[in-house]
Amino acid sequence: MSDSARITISRGKDGFFQIWLNPAGRDLLISQLQALSEEHDHFHIMPADMRPELPARNRPYEEGDEVIEWGKVLFRPDEWDRKHFPHVFDEADGEPS
């Protein structure tokens, strides 16, 4: 059994977004998500050799999948978005749409 995190992010032929994880990859993703805060508001997803916070693999699970190796996860408190990106809220209730 491998202790190395395996995380593959892909979009299938039908456009469906998927995240494939082994147990170590799941634990790493959860720890990165839980670490997000107003002081630490994002983390990067990149190939492992770039030493990102969340390393992504480049081998697709299914033929025809488009693998996504680069990205960023951003923490966005409502007060920030109300100030900087108010268009993401519904006018009727002031809630994110």
N, C-alpha and C. Protein backbone atom coordinates (compact mmCIF):
# COMPACT_ATOMS: atom_id res chain seq x y z
N MET A 1 0.84 -1.18 0.00
CA MET A 1 0.00 0.00 0.00
C MET A 1 0.88 1.25 0.00
N SER A 2 0.48 2.26 -0.79
CA SER A 2 1.26 3.48 -0.95
C SER A 2 0.79 4.55 0.03
N ASP A 3 1.76 5.27 0.62
CA ASP A 3 1.43 6.40 1.49
C ASP A 3 1.46 7.72 0.73
N SER A 4 1.85 7.68 -0.55
CA SER A 4 1.96 8.88 -1.37
C SER A 4 0.58 9.33 -1.84
N ALA A 5 0.32 10.63 -1.71
CA ALA A 5 -0.96 11.18 -2.15
C ALA A 5 -1.08 11.08 -3.66
N ARG A 6 -2.21 10.55 -4.12
CA ARG A 6 -2.54 10.54 -5.54
C ARG A 6 -3.81 11.34 -5.72
N ILE A 7 -3.71 12.42 -6.47
CA ILE A 7 -4.84 13.29 -6.74
C ILE A 7 -4.85 13.55 -8.24
N THR A 8 -5.93 13.16 -8.89
CA THR A 8 -6.09 13.41 -10.32
C THR A 8 -7.40 14.18 -10.49
N ILE A 9 -7.31 15.33 -11.13
CA ILE A 9 -8.48 16.16 -11.39
C ILE A 9 -8.72 16.11 -12.90
N SER A 10 -9.94 15.80 -13.29
CA SER A 10 -10.19 15.67 -14.72
C SER A 10 -11.60 16.12 -15.09
N ARG A 11 -11.75 16.34 -16.39
CA ARG A 11 -13.05 16.59 -16.98
C ARG A 11 -13.25 15.50 -18.01
N GLY A 12 -14.33 14.76 -17.87
CA GLY A 12 -14.60 13.65 -18.77
C GLY A 12 -15.10 14.12 -20.13
N LYS A 13 -15.29 13.17 -21.03
CA LYS A 13 -15.74 13.48 -22.39
C LYS A 13 -17.06 14.25 -22.39
N ASP A 14 -17.90 13.99 -21.38
CA ASP A 14 -19.20 14.67 -21.28
C ASP A 14 -19.11 16.01 -20.56
N GLY A 15 -17.89 16.44 -20.17
CA GLY A 15 -17.69 17.70 -19.48
C GLY A 15 -17.81 17.60 -17.97
N PHE A 16 -18.08 16.41 -17.46
CA PHE A 16 -18.28 16.20 -16.03
C PHE A 16 -16.95 16.30 -15.29
N PHE A 17 -16.90 17.11 -14.24
CA PHE A 17 -15.71 17.34 -13.43
C PHE A 17 -15.58 16.23 -12.38
N GLN A 18 -14.35 15.69 -12.23
CA GLN A 18 -14.11 14.63 -11.27
C GLN A 18 -12.78 14.84 -10.55
N ILE A 19 -12.76 14.45 -9.27
CA ILE A 19 -11.51 14.44 -8.51
C ILE A 19 -11.32 13.00 -8.04
N TRP A 20 -10.24 12.40 -8.46
CA TRP A 20 -9.91 11.02 -8.10
C TRP A 20 -8.86 11.06 -6.99
N LEU A 21 -9.09 10.38 -5.87
CA LEU A 21 -8.22 10.44 -4.71
C LEU A 21 -7.95 9.07 -4.12
N ASN A 22 -6.73 8.84 -3.68
CA ASN A 22 -6.48 7.69 -2.80
C ASN A 22 -6.61 8.22 -1.37
N PRO A 23 -6.54 7.37 -0.34
CA PRO A 23 -6.72 7.87 1.03
C PRO A 23 -5.76 9.00 1.40
N ALA A 24 -4.49 8.90 1.01
CA ALA A 24 -3.54 9.97 1.34
C ALA A 24 -3.89 11.25 0.60
N GLY A 25 -4.36 11.15 -0.63
CA GLY A 25 -4.79 12.32 -1.39
C GLY A 25 -6.01 12.98 -0.77
N ARG A 26 -6.96 12.16 -0.33
CA ARG A 26 -8.14 12.69 0.36
C ARG A 26 -7.74 13.46 1.61
N ASP A 27 -6.86 12.87 2.41
CA ASP A 27 -6.43 13.51 3.65
C ASP A 27 -5.71 14.83 3.36
N LEU A 28 -4.89 14.87 2.32
CA LEU A 28 -4.18 16.09 1.97
C LEU A 28 -5.16 17.17 1.50
N LEU A 29 -6.10 16.80 0.65
CA LEU A 29 -7.10 17.76 0.17
C LEU A 29 -7.90 18.33 1.35
N ILE A 30 -8.36 17.48 2.24
CA ILE A 30 -9.14 17.94 3.39
C ILE A 30 -8.30 18.85 4.28
N SER A 31 -7.05 18.50 4.51
CA SER A 31 -6.21 19.34 5.37
C SER A 31 -5.97 20.71 4.73
N GLN A 32 -5.81 20.76 3.42
CA GLN A 32 -5.64 22.04 2.73
C GLN A 32 -6.91 22.87 2.80
N LEU A 33 -8.06 22.23 2.62
CA LEU A 33 -9.32 22.95 2.71
C LEU A 33 -9.56 23.49 4.12
N GLN A 34 -9.27 22.68 5.12
CA GLN A 34 -9.48 23.11 6.50
C GLN A 34 -8.51 24.21 6.93
N ALA A 35 -7.38 24.32 6.26
CA ALA A 35 -6.39 25.35 6.59
C ALA A 35 -6.73 26.71 6.01
N LEU A 36 -7.70 26.77 5.09
CA LEU A 36 -8.07 28.04 4.49
C LEU A 36 -8.67 28.97 5.53
N SER A 37 -8.28 30.25 5.44
CA SER A 37 -8.77 31.26 6.38
C SER A 37 -8.59 32.62 5.73
N GLU A 38 -8.97 33.66 6.44
CA GLU A 38 -8.77 35.01 5.92
C GLU A 38 -7.29 35.34 5.79
N GLU A 39 -6.45 34.72 6.61
CA GLU A 39 -5.01 34.95 6.54
C GLU A 39 -4.33 34.05 5.51
N HIS A 40 -4.88 32.90 5.26
CA HIS A 40 -4.35 31.91 4.30
C HIS A 40 -5.50 31.60 3.35
N ASP A 41 -5.68 32.47 2.34
CA ASP A 41 -6.92 32.44 1.56
C ASP A 41 -6.89 31.62 0.27
N HIS A 42 -5.80 30.94 0.00
CA HIS A 42 -5.78 30.09 -1.20
C HIS A 42 -4.66 29.05 -1.10
N PHE A 43 -4.80 28.04 -1.95
CA PHE A 43 -3.69 27.11 -2.16
C PHE A 43 -3.65 26.74 -3.63
N HIS A 44 -2.47 26.29 -4.06
CA HIS A 44 -2.24 26.00 -5.46
C HIS A 44 -2.31 24.50 -5.74
N ILE A 45 -2.79 24.20 -6.94
CA ILE A 45 -2.79 22.84 -7.48
C ILE A 45 -1.85 22.87 -8.68
N MET A 46 -0.82 22.04 -8.63
CA MET A 46 0.18 22.01 -9.70
C MET A 46 0.78 20.61 -9.77
N PRO A 47 1.54 20.33 -10.82
CA PRO A 47 2.26 19.06 -10.88
C PRO A 47 3.18 18.91 -9.66
N ALA A 48 3.36 17.68 -9.23
CA ALA A 48 4.13 17.39 -8.01
C ALA A 48 5.54 17.96 -8.04
N ASP A 49 6.18 17.97 -9.22
CA ASP A 49 7.57 18.46 -9.27
C ASP A 49 7.68 19.96 -9.01
N MET A 50 6.56 20.67 -9.00
CA MET A 50 6.55 22.10 -8.69
C MET A 50 6.44 22.34 -7.18
N ARG A 51 6.26 21.26 -6.41
CA ARG A 51 6.12 21.31 -4.95
C ARG A 51 4.98 22.23 -4.48
N PRO A 52 3.78 22.02 -5.04
CA PRO A 52 2.64 22.84 -4.64
C PRO A 52 2.05 22.33 -3.32
N GLU A 53 1.08 23.08 -2.83
CA GLU A 53 0.36 22.64 -1.64
C GLU A 53 -0.47 21.39 -1.94
N LEU A 54 -0.98 21.29 -3.18
CA LEU A 54 -1.77 20.12 -3.59
C LEU A 54 -1.24 19.62 -4.93
N PRO A 55 -0.46 18.53 -4.92
CA PRO A 55 0.11 18.02 -6.17
C PRO A 55 -0.93 17.25 -6.99
N ALA A 56 -0.98 17.56 -8.28
CA ALA A 56 -1.92 16.90 -9.18
C ALA A 56 -1.16 15.96 -10.12
N ARG A 57 -1.76 14.82 -10.36
CA ARG A 57 -1.19 13.86 -11.30
C ARG A 57 -1.66 14.17 -12.72
N ASN A 58 -0.91 13.68 -13.70
CA ASN A 58 -1.25 13.98 -15.09
C ASN A 58 -1.72 12.76 -15.89
N ARG A 59 -1.91 11.63 -15.25
CA ARG A 59 -2.34 10.42 -15.95
C ARG A 59 -3.86 10.25 -15.79
N PRO A 60 -4.61 10.29 -16.90
CA PRO A 60 -6.06 10.17 -16.81
C PRO A 60 -6.49 8.77 -16.37
N TYR A 61 -7.59 8.70 -15.68
CA TYR A 61 -8.16 7.42 -15.29
C TYR A 61 -8.91 6.77 -16.44
N GLU A 62 -9.58 7.59 -17.24
CA GLU A 62 -10.38 7.05 -18.33
C GLU A 62 -9.98 7.69 -19.65
N GLU A 63 -10.03 6.90 -20.69
CA GLU A 63 -9.68 7.39 -22.02
C GLU A 63 -10.57 8.57 -22.39
N GLY A 64 -9.95 9.61 -22.91
CA GLY A 64 -10.70 10.79 -23.33
C GLY A 64 -10.83 11.85 -22.25
N ASP A 65 -10.40 11.55 -21.02
CA ASP A 65 -10.45 12.55 -19.95
C ASP A 65 -9.43 13.66 -20.21
N GLU A 66 -9.81 14.89 -19.91
CA GLU A 66 -8.89 16.01 -19.93
C GLU A 66 -8.41 16.21 -18.49
N VAL A 67 -7.12 15.99 -18.25
CA VAL A 67 -6.56 16.13 -16.91
C VAL A 67 -6.26 17.59 -16.65
N ILE A 68 -6.61 18.04 -15.44
CA ILE A 68 -6.37 19.42 -15.02
C ILE A 68 -5.26 19.39 -13.98
N GLU A 69 -4.10 19.91 -14.35
CA GLU A 69 -2.94 19.88 -13.47
C GLU A 69 -2.67 21.20 -12.76
N TRP A 70 -3.28 22.27 -13.21
CA TRP A 70 -2.98 23.59 -12.69
C TRP A 70 -4.27 24.24 -12.20
N GLY A 71 -4.21 24.83 -11.01
CA GLY A 71 -5.37 25.53 -10.50
C GLY A 71 -5.10 26.17 -9.15
N LYS A 72 -6.14 26.77 -8.63
CA LYS A 72 -6.06 27.45 -7.34
C LYS A 72 -7.41 27.28 -6.66
N VAL A 73 -7.38 27.06 -5.36
CA VAL A 73 -8.60 27.03 -4.56
C VAL A 73 -8.57 28.29 -3.70
N LEU A 74 -9.66 29.05 -3.78
CA LEU A 74 -9.73 30.35 -3.11
C LEU A 74 -10.80 30.36 -2.03
N PHE A 75 -10.46 30.85 -0.86
CA PHE A 75 -11.38 31.03 0.25
C PHE A 75 -12.01 32.42 0.10
N ARG A 76 -13.33 32.49 0.08
CA ARG A 76 -14.02 33.75 -0.17
C ARG A 76 -15.12 34.00 0.86
N PRO A 77 -14.81 34.67 1.96
CA PRO A 77 -15.87 35.04 2.91
C PRO A 77 -16.91 35.93 2.21
N ASP A 78 -18.16 35.80 2.62
CA ASP A 78 -19.23 36.59 2.00
C ASP A 78 -18.94 38.08 2.03
N GLU A 79 -18.40 38.58 3.14
CA GLU A 79 -18.14 40.03 3.23
C GLU A 79 -17.15 40.49 2.16
N TRP A 80 -16.15 39.67 1.83
CA TRP A 80 -15.20 40.03 0.76
C TRP A 80 -15.92 40.09 -0.58
N ASP A 81 -16.74 39.05 -0.82
CA ASP A 81 -17.43 39.01 -2.10
C ASP A 81 -18.48 40.11 -2.23
N ARG A 82 -19.14 40.44 -1.14
CA ARG A 82 -20.10 41.55 -1.20
C ARG A 82 -19.39 42.86 -1.59
N LYS A 83 -18.16 43.01 -1.13
CA LYS A 83 -17.40 44.23 -1.43
C LYS A 83 -16.77 44.18 -2.83
N HIS A 84 -16.12 43.07 -3.18
CA HIS A 84 -15.32 43.00 -4.40
C HIS A 84 -16.01 42.33 -5.59
N PHE A 85 -16.94 41.43 -5.31
CA PHE A 85 -17.63 40.68 -6.38
C PHE A 85 -19.12 40.58 -6.09
N PRO A 86 -19.81 41.69 -5.95
CA PRO A 86 -21.22 41.63 -5.56
C PRO A 86 -22.10 40.93 -6.60
N HIS A 87 -21.63 40.82 -7.82
CA HIS A 87 -22.42 40.17 -8.87
C HIS A 87 -22.63 38.68 -8.62
N VAL A 88 -21.90 38.07 -7.69
CA VAL A 88 -22.11 36.64 -7.42
C VAL A 88 -23.29 36.39 -6.48
N PHE A 89 -23.91 37.47 -6.00
CA PHE A 89 -25.06 37.35 -5.12
C PHE A 89 -26.35 37.60 -5.88
N ASP A 90 -27.42 36.90 -5.48
CA ASP A 90 -28.75 37.18 -6.00
C ASP A 90 -29.22 38.49 -5.40
N GLU A 91 -29.84 39.33 -6.20
CA GLU A 91 -30.33 40.62 -5.70
C GLU A 91 -31.44 40.43 -4.68
N ALA A 92 -32.30 39.44 -4.87
CA ALA A 92 -33.49 39.26 -4.04
C ALA A 92 -33.14 38.97 -2.58
N ASP A 93 -32.14 38.13 -2.37
CA ASP A 93 -31.88 37.71 -1.00
C ASP A 93 -30.47 38.01 -0.52
N GLY A 94 -29.64 38.56 -1.37
CA GLY A 94 -28.28 38.88 -0.96
C GLY A 94 -27.41 37.67 -0.73
N GLU A 95 -27.85 36.51 -1.17
CA GLU A 95 -27.10 35.27 -0.99
C GLU A 95 -26.33 34.92 -2.25
N PRO A 96 -25.20 34.19 -2.11
CA PRO A 96 -24.46 33.78 -3.30
C PRO A 96 -25.34 32.95 -4.23
N SER A 97 -25.19 33.17 -5.52
CA SER A 97 -25.98 32.40 -6.48
C SER A 97 -25.21 31.22 -7.00
